Amino acid sequence: MSDLGNLYKSLSLEIAAVARYREHRDRTSDPVFFALFEGLMRNEQGHEEELIANIRRLGGDESEASNVEAPDLPTMIYEGRQIFGQKTNLAMLRADLAFEADATKLYHEFAGQAEDEQVKALFKELSRAERGHVNGLTHVIRAVEEGSHEVKFFCPVCGWPVDFGASPSAGAESRCKMCGVLFALDEEDGDFKLVRK
């Protein structure tokens, strides 16, 4: 495929990445995961900008990316070890890990195919960035699976994080440090939920 063809495919992939991280950010109640998904989304938006700049530099039209079929990758993967209270968060993280691993390989292949030196450098940098995402997501998933991830929720009263510590169980209580409201953890369909006491 030509450099422009690979840039269009990559832009389509990055648009899908931004959408998936926005969706995941909006689904989680955990401030740590919220920040992770927000950070990944912003990084992927930067990738979009770099791809568009290179498409334009080569005389292409970024709207052509909409003609490229977006990748059909799951946004949730429920396989693997299930951790009490973290079903949805883990499903999102595992799907994102698979997505980023695929992107790493794809960009590595595109770097090898690139004829334009700037495009080659861009694909190498994108592959490196996606590898960083793989490493970070692997670390976060491991922390959840090993029980070292501290369970937190945004306080629905004031917005401050309410911390329940690592490996809490249903019924655990915590008071918001800013507004003083007491909350407990409950469980519903494999996920923790916050209940005001």
N, C-alpha and C. Protein backbone atom coordinates (compact mmCIF):
# COMPACT_ATOMS: atom_id res chain seq x y z
N MET A 1 0.85 -1.18 0.00
CA MET A 1 0.00 0.00 0.00
C MET A 1 0.89 1.24 0.00
N SER A 2 0.42 2.31 -0.57
CA SER A 2 1.19 3.56 -0.64
C SER A 2 1.27 4.22 0.73
N ASP A 3 2.18 5.18 0.83
CA ASP A 3 2.28 5.94 2.08
C ASP A 3 0.95 6.60 2.41
N LEU A 4 0.31 7.22 1.42
CA LEU A 4 -0.98 7.87 1.68
C LEU A 4 -2.02 6.84 2.12
N GLY A 5 -2.05 5.69 1.49
CA GLY A 5 -2.99 4.65 1.88
C GLY A 5 -2.79 4.23 3.33
N ASN A 6 -1.54 4.06 3.72
CA ASN A 6 -1.24 3.69 5.11
C ASN A 6 -1.56 4.82 6.07
N LEU A 7 -1.35 6.06 5.65
CA LEU A 7 -1.71 7.20 6.49
C LEU A 7 -3.22 7.28 6.68
N TYR A 8 -3.98 7.03 5.62
CA TYR A 8 -5.44 7.03 5.74
C TYR A 8 -5.92 5.93 6.69
N LYS A 9 -5.36 4.75 6.53
CA LYS A 9 -5.73 3.63 7.41
C LYS A 9 -5.38 3.95 8.86
N SER A 10 -4.23 4.57 9.05
CA SER A 10 -3.79 4.93 10.40
C SER A 10 -4.69 6.01 11.00
N LEU A 11 -5.08 6.98 10.19
CA LEU A 11 -5.98 8.03 10.68
C LEU A 11 -7.32 7.42 11.08
N SER A 12 -7.83 6.50 10.30
CA SER A 12 -9.07 5.82 10.65
C SER A 12 -8.93 5.09 11.98
N LEU A 13 -7.78 4.44 12.18
CA LEU A 13 -7.50 3.74 13.43
C LEU A 13 -7.45 4.70 14.61
N GLU A 14 -6.80 5.85 14.42
CA GLU A 14 -6.67 6.82 15.51
C GLU A 14 -8.01 7.46 15.85
N ILE A 15 -8.84 7.69 14.84
CA ILE A 15 -10.19 8.22 15.10
C ILE A 15 -10.96 7.21 15.95
N ALA A 16 -10.83 5.93 15.63
CA ALA A 16 -11.49 4.87 16.41
C ALA A 16 -10.92 4.82 17.83
N ALA A 17 -9.61 5.04 17.97
CA ALA A 17 -8.98 5.02 19.29
C ALA A 17 -9.51 6.15 20.16
N VAL A 18 -9.62 7.34 19.60
CA VAL A 18 -10.15 8.48 20.36
C VAL A 18 -11.57 8.17 20.82
N ALA A 19 -12.39 7.63 19.94
CA ALA A 19 -13.78 7.31 20.29
C ALA A 19 -13.85 6.26 21.39
N ARG A 20 -13.01 5.23 21.31
CA ARG A 20 -13.05 4.17 22.32
C ARG A 20 -12.61 4.70 23.68
N TYR A 21 -11.57 5.53 23.71
CA TYR A 21 -11.11 6.05 25.01
C TYR A 21 -12.08 7.05 25.60
N ARG A 22 -12.76 7.80 24.75
CA ARG A 22 -13.80 8.71 25.25
C ARG A 22 -14.93 7.88 25.88
N GLU A 23 -15.35 6.81 25.19
CA GLU A 23 -16.40 5.94 25.71
C GLU A 23 -15.97 5.30 27.04
N HIS A 24 -14.76 4.82 27.10
CA HIS A 24 -14.28 4.17 28.33
C HIS A 24 -14.13 5.17 29.47
N ARG A 25 -13.65 6.34 29.16
CA ARG A 25 -13.53 7.39 30.18
C ARG A 25 -14.91 7.68 30.77
N ASP A 26 -15.91 7.77 29.91
CA ASP A 26 -17.25 8.11 30.37
C ASP A 26 -17.96 6.96 31.08
N ARG A 27 -17.48 5.73 30.93
CA ARG A 27 -18.10 4.57 31.57
C ARG A 27 -17.55 4.28 32.96
N THR A 28 -16.32 4.69 33.22
CA THR A 28 -15.71 4.33 34.51
C THR A 28 -16.10 5.33 35.59
N SER A 29 -16.14 4.84 36.82
CA SER A 29 -16.39 5.69 37.99
C SER A 29 -15.12 5.86 38.81
N ASP A 30 -14.04 5.23 38.37
CA ASP A 30 -12.77 5.25 39.08
C ASP A 30 -11.92 6.41 38.57
N PRO A 31 -11.56 7.36 39.45
CA PRO A 31 -10.77 8.52 39.01
C PRO A 31 -9.43 8.15 38.37
N VAL A 32 -8.81 7.06 38.81
CA VAL A 32 -7.53 6.64 38.23
C VAL A 32 -7.73 6.18 36.79
N PHE A 33 -8.74 5.35 36.56
CA PHE A 33 -9.02 4.88 35.20
C PHE A 33 -9.53 6.03 34.33
N PHE A 34 -10.32 6.92 34.93
CA PHE A 34 -10.79 8.09 34.19
C PHE A 34 -9.60 8.88 33.65
N ALA A 35 -8.62 9.14 34.51
CA ALA A 35 -7.43 9.89 34.09
C ALA A 35 -6.63 9.12 33.04
N LEU A 36 -6.52 7.81 33.20
CA LEU A 36 -5.81 6.98 32.23
C LEU A 36 -6.46 7.08 30.85
N PHE A 37 -7.77 6.88 30.80
CA PHE A 37 -8.48 6.93 29.51
C PHE A 37 -8.42 8.33 28.90
N GLU A 38 -8.52 9.35 29.73
CA GLU A 38 -8.41 10.72 29.24
C GLU A 38 -7.02 10.96 28.64
N GLY A 39 -5.99 10.51 29.34
CA GLY A 39 -4.62 10.68 28.85
C GLY A 39 -4.39 9.94 27.54
N LEU A 40 -4.88 8.71 27.45
CA LEU A 40 -4.75 7.94 26.21
C LEU A 40 -5.50 8.63 25.07
N MET A 41 -6.70 9.13 25.37
CA MET A 41 -7.49 9.81 24.35
C MET A 41 -6.74 11.04 23.82
N ARG A 42 -6.19 11.82 24.71
CA ARG A 42 -5.46 13.02 24.28
C ARG A 42 -4.24 12.66 23.45
N ASN A 43 -3.56 11.60 23.84
CA ASN A 43 -2.39 11.16 23.07
C ASN A 43 -2.79 10.73 21.67
N GLU A 44 -3.89 9.99 21.57
CA GLU A 44 -4.36 9.55 20.26
C GLU A 44 -4.82 10.74 19.41
N GLN A 45 -5.37 11.77 20.05
CA GLN A 45 -5.73 12.98 19.31
C GLN A 45 -4.47 13.64 18.72
N GLY A 46 -3.38 13.61 19.47
CA GLY A 46 -2.11 14.12 18.95
C GLY A 46 -1.64 13.31 17.75
N HIS A 47 -1.85 12.00 17.80
CA HIS A 47 -1.49 11.15 16.66
C HIS A 47 -2.33 11.53 15.43
N GLU A 48 -3.61 11.78 15.67
CA GLU A 48 -4.48 12.21 14.56
C GLU A 48 -3.90 13.45 13.89
N GLU A 49 -3.51 14.42 14.70
CA GLU A 49 -2.98 15.68 14.17
C GLU A 49 -1.71 15.45 13.34
N GLU A 50 -0.83 14.59 13.84
CA GLU A 50 0.41 14.30 13.10
C GLU A 50 0.11 13.59 11.78
N LEU A 51 -0.84 12.68 11.80
CA LEU A 51 -1.21 11.97 10.57
C LEU A 51 -1.81 12.93 9.55
N ILE A 52 -2.70 13.81 10.01
CA ILE A 52 -3.31 14.79 9.11
C ILE A 52 -2.24 15.69 8.50
N ALA A 53 -1.29 16.14 9.31
CA ALA A 53 -0.22 17.00 8.79
C ALA A 53 0.57 16.29 7.69
N ASN A 54 0.85 15.02 7.89
CA ASN A 54 1.60 14.27 6.87
C ASN A 54 0.76 13.98 5.64
N ILE A 55 -0.52 13.72 5.82
CA ILE A 55 -1.41 13.52 4.67
C ILE A 55 -1.43 14.78 3.82
N ARG A 56 -1.57 15.92 4.47
CA ARG A 56 -1.59 17.19 3.73
C ARG A 56 -0.25 17.46 3.06
N ARG A 57 0.84 17.16 3.75
CA ARG A 57 2.18 17.39 3.20
C ARG A 57 2.38 16.59 1.92
N LEU A 58 1.79 15.39 1.87
CA LEU A 58 1.92 14.54 0.68
C LEU A 58 0.84 14.83 -0.37
N GLY A 59 0.05 15.87 -0.14
CA GLY A 59 -0.97 16.26 -1.12
C GLY A 59 -2.26 15.49 -1.02
N GLY A 60 -2.45 14.78 0.08
CA GLY A 60 -3.68 14.01 0.26
C GLY A 60 -4.76 14.82 0.95
N ASP A 61 -5.89 14.19 1.13
CA ASP A 61 -7.06 14.80 1.77
C ASP A 61 -7.49 13.88 2.92
N GLU A 62 -7.40 14.40 4.15
CA GLU A 62 -7.69 13.56 5.32
C GLU A 62 -9.11 13.01 5.32
N SER A 63 -10.03 13.63 4.58
CA SER A 63 -11.40 13.10 4.54
C SER A 63 -11.44 11.72 3.88
N GLU A 64 -10.39 11.36 3.14
CA GLU A 64 -10.31 10.03 2.52
C GLU A 64 -10.28 8.93 3.58
N ALA A 65 -9.85 9.27 4.79
CA ALA A 65 -9.80 8.27 5.87
C ALA A 65 -11.19 7.74 6.19
N SER A 66 -12.21 8.55 5.94
CA SER A 66 -13.58 8.09 6.21
C SER A 66 -14.02 7.00 5.24
N ASN A 67 -13.29 6.85 4.13
CA ASN A 67 -13.60 5.79 3.17
C ASN A 67 -12.91 4.47 3.52
N VAL A 68 -12.03 4.52 4.51
CA VAL A 68 -11.32 3.32 4.96
C VAL A 68 -12.16 2.68 6.05
N GLU A 69 -12.36 1.39 5.94
CA GLU A 69 -13.16 0.69 6.94
C GLU A 69 -12.45 0.73 8.29
N ALA A 70 -13.18 1.20 9.29
CA ALA A 70 -12.61 1.28 10.64
C ALA A 70 -12.39 -0.14 11.16
N PRO A 71 -11.40 -0.29 12.02
CA PRO A 71 -11.12 -1.63 12.57
C PRO A 71 -12.30 -2.12 13.40
N ASP A 72 -12.58 -3.40 13.29
CA ASP A 72 -13.67 -4.01 14.03
C ASP A 72 -13.08 -4.75 15.22
N LEU A 73 -12.73 -3.99 16.23
CA LEU A 73 -12.12 -4.57 17.42
C LEU A 73 -13.05 -4.38 18.60
N PRO A 74 -13.13 -5.36 19.48
CA PRO A 74 -14.04 -5.24 20.62
C PRO A 74 -13.64 -4.10 21.55
N THR A 75 -14.64 -3.47 22.15
CA THR A 75 -14.35 -2.44 23.15
C THR A 75 -14.39 -3.01 24.56
N MET A 76 -14.80 -4.29 24.67
CA MET A 76 -14.83 -4.98 25.95
C MET A 76 -14.38 -6.42 25.73
N ILE A 77 -13.49 -6.90 26.60
CA ILE A 77 -13.08 -8.31 26.58
C ILE A 77 -13.27 -8.85 27.99
N TYR A 78 -14.23 -9.77 28.13
CA TYR A 78 -14.57 -10.31 29.45
C TYR A 78 -13.81 -11.59 29.78
N GLU A 79 -12.92 -12.02 28.90
CA GLU A 79 -12.14 -13.23 29.16
C GLU A 79 -11.02 -12.90 30.15
N GLY A 80 -10.53 -13.94 30.81
CA GLY A 80 -9.44 -13.75 31.76
C GLY A 80 -9.95 -13.76 33.19
N ARG A 81 -9.02 -13.63 34.08
CA ARG A 81 -9.33 -13.68 35.51
C ARG A 81 -10.27 -12.53 35.88
N GLN A 82 -11.33 -12.86 36.59
CA GLN A 82 -12.28 -11.84 37.02
C GLN A 82 -11.97 -11.42 38.45
N ILE A 83 -11.95 -10.14 38.67
CA ILE A 83 -11.66 -9.58 39.99
C ILE A 83 -12.94 -8.94 40.52
N PHE A 84 -13.32 -9.33 41.71
CA PHE A 84 -14.55 -8.84 42.33
C PHE A 84 -14.60 -7.31 42.27
N GLY A 85 -15.70 -6.80 41.73
CA GLY A 85 -15.93 -5.36 41.69
C GLY A 85 -15.33 -4.65 40.49
N GLN A 86 -14.55 -5.36 39.66
CA GLN A 86 -13.82 -4.70 38.56
C GLN A 86 -14.17 -5.26 37.18
N LYS A 87 -15.31 -5.89 37.04
CA LYS A 87 -15.66 -6.57 35.78
C LYS A 87 -15.57 -5.64 34.57
N THR A 88 -16.26 -4.52 34.61
CA THR A 88 -16.30 -3.62 33.45
C THR A 88 -14.96 -2.93 33.23
N ASN A 89 -14.33 -2.46 34.31
CA ASN A 89 -13.03 -1.80 34.15
C ASN A 89 -12.01 -2.74 33.52
N LEU A 90 -11.96 -3.98 34.00
CA LEU A 90 -11.02 -4.95 33.42
C LEU A 90 -11.36 -5.28 31.97
N ALA A 91 -12.64 -5.39 31.66
CA ALA A 91 -13.04 -5.69 30.28
C ALA A 91 -12.60 -4.57 29.34
N MET A 92 -12.73 -3.32 29.78
CA MET A 92 -12.29 -2.20 28.96
C MET A 92 -10.77 -2.20 28.81
N LEU A 93 -10.07 -2.37 29.92
CA LEU A 93 -8.60 -2.36 29.89
C LEU A 93 -8.05 -3.48 29.01
N ARG A 94 -8.63 -4.66 29.11
CA ARG A 94 -8.14 -5.79 28.30
C ARG A 94 -8.40 -5.56 26.81
N ALA A 95 -9.55 -4.99 26.48
CA ALA A 95 -9.84 -4.68 25.07
C ALA A 95 -8.88 -3.61 24.57
N ASP A 96 -8.58 -2.63 25.41
CA ASP A 96 -7.65 -1.57 25.01
C ASP A 96 -6.24 -2.12 24.82
N LEU A 97 -5.86 -3.06 25.66
CA LEU A 97 -4.54 -3.69 25.51
C LEU A 97 -4.45 -4.41 24.16
N ALA A 98 -5.48 -5.16 23.80
CA ALA A 98 -5.48 -5.85 22.50
C ALA A 98 -5.44 -4.85 21.35
N PHE A 99 -6.20 -3.78 21.47
CA PHE A 99 -6.24 -2.73 20.45
C PHE A 99 -4.85 -2.11 20.26
N GLU A 100 -4.20 -1.77 21.37
CA GLU A 100 -2.89 -1.13 21.30
C GLU A 100 -1.82 -2.09 20.78
N ALA A 101 -1.92 -3.37 21.13
CA ALA A 101 -0.96 -4.35 20.62
C ALA A 101 -1.08 -4.46 19.10
N ASP A 102 -2.32 -4.46 18.60
CA ASP A 102 -2.53 -4.49 17.15
C ASP A 102 -1.99 -3.24 16.48
N ALA A 103 -2.22 -2.08 17.10
CA ALA A 103 -1.73 -0.82 16.53
C ALA A 103 -0.21 -0.79 16.50
N THR A 104 0.43 -1.32 17.54
CA THR A 104 1.89 -1.37 17.59
C THR A 104 2.43 -2.14 16.39
N LYS A 105 1.86 -3.31 16.15
CA LYS A 105 2.30 -4.15 15.02
C LYS A 105 2.04 -3.47 13.68
N LEU A 106 0.86 -2.89 13.55
CA LEU A 106 0.49 -2.24 12.29
C LEU A 106 1.46 -1.09 11.97
N TYR A 107 1.74 -0.25 12.95
CA TYR A 107 2.62 0.90 12.70
C TYR A 107 4.05 0.44 12.42
N HIS A 108 4.46 -0.63 13.05
CA HIS A 108 5.79 -1.19 12.77
C HIS A 108 5.86 -1.65 11.31
N GLU A 109 4.81 -2.33 10.86
CA GLU A 109 4.75 -2.78 9.45
C GLU A 109 4.75 -1.58 8.50
N PHE A 110 3.97 -0.56 8.83
CA PHE A 110 3.89 0.62 7.97
C PHE A 110 5.23 1.35 7.91
N ALA A 111 5.97 1.36 9.01
CA ALA A 111 7.30 2.00 9.00
C ALA A 111 8.21 1.27 8.02
N GLY A 112 8.11 -0.06 7.99
CA GLY A 112 8.92 -0.85 7.07
C GLY A 112 8.53 -0.65 5.61
N GLN A 113 7.29 -0.30 5.36
CA GLN A 113 6.81 -0.10 3.99
C GLN A 113 6.99 1.33 3.49
N ALA A 114 7.18 2.28 4.40
CA ALA A 114 7.18 3.70 4.03
C ALA A 114 8.31 4.05 3.07
N GLU A 115 7.98 4.85 2.08
CA GLU A 115 8.96 5.36 1.12
C GLU A 115 9.46 6.73 1.55
N ASP A 116 8.58 7.55 2.09
CA ASP A 116 8.92 8.89 2.54
C ASP A 116 9.57 8.80 3.93
N GLU A 117 10.71 9.46 4.09
CA GLU A 117 11.46 9.36 5.36
C GLU A 117 10.69 9.95 6.54
N GLN A 118 9.95 11.03 6.32
CA GLN A 118 9.17 11.61 7.42
C GLN A 118 8.02 10.69 7.82
N VAL A 119 7.43 10.05 6.84
CA VAL A 119 6.35 9.10 7.13
C VAL A 119 6.92 7.89 7.87
N LYS A 120 8.08 7.42 7.44
CA LYS A 120 8.74 6.31 8.14
C LYS A 120 9.01 6.67 9.60
N ALA A 121 9.54 7.88 9.82
CA ALA A 121 9.83 8.34 11.19
C ALA A 121 8.54 8.45 12.00
N LEU A 122 7.47 8.93 11.39
CA LEU A 122 6.19 9.05 12.08
C LEU A 122 5.69 7.67 12.50
N PHE A 123 5.71 6.71 11.60
CA PHE A 123 5.22 5.37 11.94
C PHE A 123 6.08 4.71 13.02
N LYS A 124 7.38 4.96 13.00
CA LYS A 124 8.24 4.44 14.08
C LYS A 124 7.84 5.06 15.41
N GLU A 125 7.59 6.36 15.40
CA GLU A 125 7.20 7.06 16.63
C GLU A 125 5.82 6.59 17.11
N LEU A 126 4.89 6.40 16.19
CA LEU A 126 3.57 5.90 16.57
C LEU A 126 3.66 4.49 17.16
N SER A 127 4.49 3.65 16.56
CA SER A 127 4.68 2.30 17.09
C SER A 127 5.26 2.35 18.51
N ARG A 128 6.21 3.25 18.71
CA ARG A 128 6.82 3.42 20.03
C ARG A 128 5.77 3.90 21.05
N ALA A 129 4.94 4.84 20.63
CA ALA A 129 3.89 5.36 21.53
C ALA A 129 2.89 4.27 21.89
N GLU A 130 2.47 3.50 20.90
CA GLU A 130 1.50 2.43 21.16
C GLU A 130 2.12 1.35 22.04
N ARG A 131 3.42 1.09 21.88
CA ARG A 131 4.11 0.14 22.75
C ARG A 131 4.09 0.65 24.19
N GLY A 132 4.24 1.96 24.35
CA GLY A 132 4.13 2.56 25.69
C GLY A 132 2.74 2.35 26.27
N HIS A 133 1.72 2.47 25.43
CA HIS A 133 0.35 2.22 25.89
C HIS A 133 0.19 0.76 26.31
N VAL A 134 0.76 -0.15 25.53
CA VAL A 134 0.71 -1.58 25.88
C VAL A 134 1.36 -1.80 27.25
N ASN A 135 2.53 -1.22 27.45
CA ASN A 135 3.23 -1.39 28.72
C ASN A 135 2.42 -0.82 29.88
N GLY A 136 1.86 0.38 29.70
CA GLY A 136 1.08 1.00 30.76
C GLY A 136 -0.19 0.22 31.08
N LEU A 137 -0.91 -0.21 30.05
CA LEU A 137 -2.13 -0.98 30.28
C LEU A 137 -1.83 -2.32 30.94
N THR A 138 -0.74 -2.96 30.53
CA THR A 138 -0.33 -4.22 31.16
C THR A 138 -0.07 -4.01 32.64
N HIS A 139 0.60 -2.93 32.97
CA HIS A 139 0.91 -2.60 34.38
C HIS A 139 -0.39 -2.39 35.18
N VAL A 140 -1.32 -1.64 34.62
CA VAL A 140 -2.57 -1.35 35.32
C VAL A 140 -3.40 -2.62 35.50
N ILE A 141 -3.50 -3.43 34.45
CA ILE A 141 -4.25 -4.69 34.55
C ILE A 141 -3.63 -5.58 35.63
N ARG A 142 -2.32 -5.67 35.64
CA ARG A 142 -1.64 -6.48 36.65
C ARG A 142 -1.96 -5.98 38.06
N ALA A 143 -1.97 -4.66 38.25
CA ALA A 143 -2.27 -4.10 39.57
C ALA A 143 -3.68 -4.47 40.01
N VAL A 144 -4.63 -4.44 39.09
CA VAL A 144 -6.00 -4.84 39.43
C VAL A 144 -6.04 -6.32 39.76
N GLU A 145 -5.42 -7.14 38.93
CA GLU A 145 -5.45 -8.60 39.14
C GLU A 145 -4.73 -9.01 40.42
N GLU A 146 -3.68 -8.31 40.78
CA GLU A 146 -2.92 -8.64 41.99
C GLU A 146 -3.52 -8.02 43.25
N GLY A 147 -4.53 -7.18 43.08
CA GLY A 147 -5.19 -6.58 44.24
C GLY A 147 -4.50 -5.36 44.80
N SER A 148 -3.54 -4.79 44.10
CA SER A 148 -2.84 -3.61 44.62
C SER A 148 -3.46 -2.30 44.15
N HIS A 149 -4.37 -2.37 43.17
CA HIS A 149 -5.05 -1.15 42.71
C HIS A 149 -6.02 -0.69 43.79
N GLU A 150 -5.92 0.57 44.17
CA GLU A 150 -6.83 1.12 45.18
C GLU A 150 -8.14 1.53 44.52
N VAL A 151 -9.23 1.03 45.06
CA VAL A 151 -10.56 1.31 44.51
C VAL A 151 -10.99 2.69 44.95
N LYS A 152 -11.31 3.52 43.97
CA LYS A 152 -11.76 4.89 44.24
C LYS A 152 -12.97 5.19 43.37
N PHE A 153 -13.78 6.11 43.85
CA PHE A 153 -14.93 6.62 43.10
C PHE A 153 -14.93 8.13 43.20
N PHE A 154 -15.47 8.78 42.19
CA PHE A 154 -15.72 10.21 42.31
C PHE A 154 -16.89 10.39 43.28
N CYS A 155 -16.74 11.28 44.24
CA CYS A 155 -17.83 11.58 45.16
C CYS A 155 -18.96 12.23 44.37
N PRO A 156 -20.18 11.68 44.44
CA PRO A 156 -21.29 12.29 43.70
C PRO A 156 -21.77 13.61 44.31
N VAL A 157 -21.29 13.92 45.52
CA VAL A 157 -21.68 15.17 46.17
C VAL A 157 -20.74 16.31 45.77
N CYS A 158 -19.41 16.06 45.89
CA CYS A 158 -18.46 17.16 45.64
C CYS A 158 -17.45 16.88 44.53
N GLY A 159 -17.38 15.64 44.05
CA GLY A 159 -16.48 15.32 42.94
C GLY A 159 -15.09 14.88 43.34
N TRP A 160 -14.78 14.89 44.64
CA TRP A 160 -13.46 14.48 45.12
C TRP A 160 -13.39 12.95 45.13
N PRO A 161 -12.19 12.37 44.96
CA PRO A 161 -12.10 10.90 45.03
C PRO A 161 -12.40 10.36 46.43
N VAL A 162 -13.21 9.32 46.48
CA VAL A 162 -13.49 8.58 47.71
C VAL A 162 -12.71 7.29 47.61
N ASP A 163 -11.80 7.06 48.57
CA ASP A 163 -10.84 5.96 48.50
C ASP A 163 -11.26 4.81 49.42
N PHE A 164 -11.34 3.61 48.84
CA PHE A 164 -11.68 2.41 49.61
C PHE A 164 -10.48 1.48 49.79
N GLY A 165 -9.30 1.90 49.34
CA GLY A 165 -8.11 1.10 49.49
C GLY A 165 -8.05 -0.06 48.50
N ALA A 166 -7.03 -0.87 48.66
CA ALA A 166 -6.82 -2.02 47.77
C ALA A 166 -7.65 -3.21 48.24
N SER A 167 -8.19 -3.94 47.29
CA SER A 167 -8.95 -5.18 47.52
C SER A 167 -10.08 -5.05 48.54
N PRO A 168 -10.92 -4.02 48.44
CA PRO A 168 -12.03 -3.93 49.38
C PRO A 168 -13.12 -4.95 49.04
N SER A 169 -14.02 -5.15 49.97
CA SER A 169 -15.15 -6.04 49.72
C SER A 169 -16.43 -5.23 49.79
N ALA A 170 -17.51 -5.83 49.32
CA ALA A 170 -18.81 -5.17 49.40
C ALA A 170 -19.10 -4.87 50.87
N GLY A 171 -19.63 -3.70 51.11
CA GLY A 171 -19.91 -3.27 52.47
C GLY A 171 -18.85 -2.36 53.06
N ALA A 172 -17.67 -2.33 52.45
CA ALA A 172 -16.60 -1.44 52.94
C ALA A 172 -17.11 0.00 52.89
N GLU A 173 -16.71 0.78 53.91
CA GLU A 173 -17.16 2.17 54.00
C GLU A 173 -15.99 3.12 53.91
N SER A 174 -16.28 4.31 53.40
CA SER A 174 -15.27 5.37 53.33
C SER A 174 -16.00 6.71 53.31
N ARG A 175 -15.39 7.67 53.97
CA ARG A 175 -15.95 9.01 54.04
C ARG A 175 -15.18 9.92 53.09
N CYS A 176 -15.90 10.73 52.33
CA CYS A 176 -15.24 11.69 51.45
C CYS A 176 -14.46 12.68 52.31
N LYS A 177 -13.20 12.88 51.99
CA LYS A 177 -12.33 13.76 52.78
C LYS A 177 -12.66 15.24 52.59
N MET A 178 -13.42 15.58 51.58
CA MET A 178 -13.73 16.98 51.33
C MET A 178 -15.10 17.38 51.87
N CYS A 179 -16.14 16.59 51.57
CA CYS A 179 -17.49 16.99 52.00
C CYS A 179 -17.99 16.21 53.22
N GLY A 180 -17.29 15.13 53.59
CA GLY A 180 -17.63 14.38 54.79
C GLY A 180 -18.76 13.37 54.65
N VAL A 181 -19.31 13.18 53.47
CA VAL A 181 -20.40 12.22 53.28
C VAL A 181 -19.84 10.80 53.33
N LEU A 182 -20.56 9.92 54.03
CA LEU A 182 -20.15 8.53 54.17
C LEU A 182 -20.76 7.69 53.04
N PHE A 183 -19.92 6.83 52.45
CA PHE A 183 -20.34 5.94 51.37
C PHE A 183 -19.94 4.51 51.70
N ALA A 184 -20.64 3.57 51.07
CA ALA A 184 -20.29 2.15 51.17
C ALA A 184 -20.20 1.59 49.76
N LEU A 185 -19.46 0.50 49.65
CA LEU A 185 -19.38 -0.22 48.37
C LEU A 185 -20.46 -1.28 48.33
N ASP A 186 -21.11 -1.38 47.20
CA ASP A 186 -22.03 -2.47 46.93
C ASP A 186 -21.54 -3.10 45.63
N GLU A 187 -22.08 -4.25 45.28
CA GLU A 187 -21.67 -4.93 44.05
C GLU A 187 -22.91 -5.23 43.22
N GLU A 188 -22.78 -4.99 41.92
CA GLU A 188 -23.87 -5.28 40.99
C GLU A 188 -23.29 -5.80 39.69
N ASP A 189 -23.63 -7.02 39.33
CA ASP A 189 -23.17 -7.64 38.08
C ASP A 189 -21.65 -7.59 37.92
N GLY A 190 -20.94 -7.86 39.01
CA GLY A 190 -19.48 -7.93 38.94
C GLY A 190 -18.76 -6.61 39.10
N ASP A 191 -19.50 -5.52 39.26
CA ASP A 191 -18.89 -4.20 39.42
C ASP A 191 -19.24 -3.60 40.77
N PHE A 192 -18.28 -2.88 41.35
CA PHE A 192 -18.58 -2.11 42.54
C PHE A 192 -19.47 -0.94 42.15
N LYS A 193 -20.32 -0.56 43.08
CA LYS A 193 -21.07 0.68 42.93
C LYS A 193 -21.07 1.39 44.27
N LEU A 194 -21.19 2.68 44.22
CA LEU A 194 -21.12 3.53 45.40
C LEU A 194 -22.52 3.76 45.94
N VAL A 195 -22.68 3.59 47.26
CA VAL A 195 -23.97 3.79 47.91
C VAL A 195 -23.78 4.80 49.04
N ARG A 196 -24.60 5.83 49.05
CA ARG A 196 -24.54 6.82 50.12
C ARG A 196 -25.19 6.24 51.37
N LYS A 197 -24.51 6.40 52.50
CA LYS A 197 -25.02 5.87 53.79
C LYS A 197 -25.91 6.88 54.48
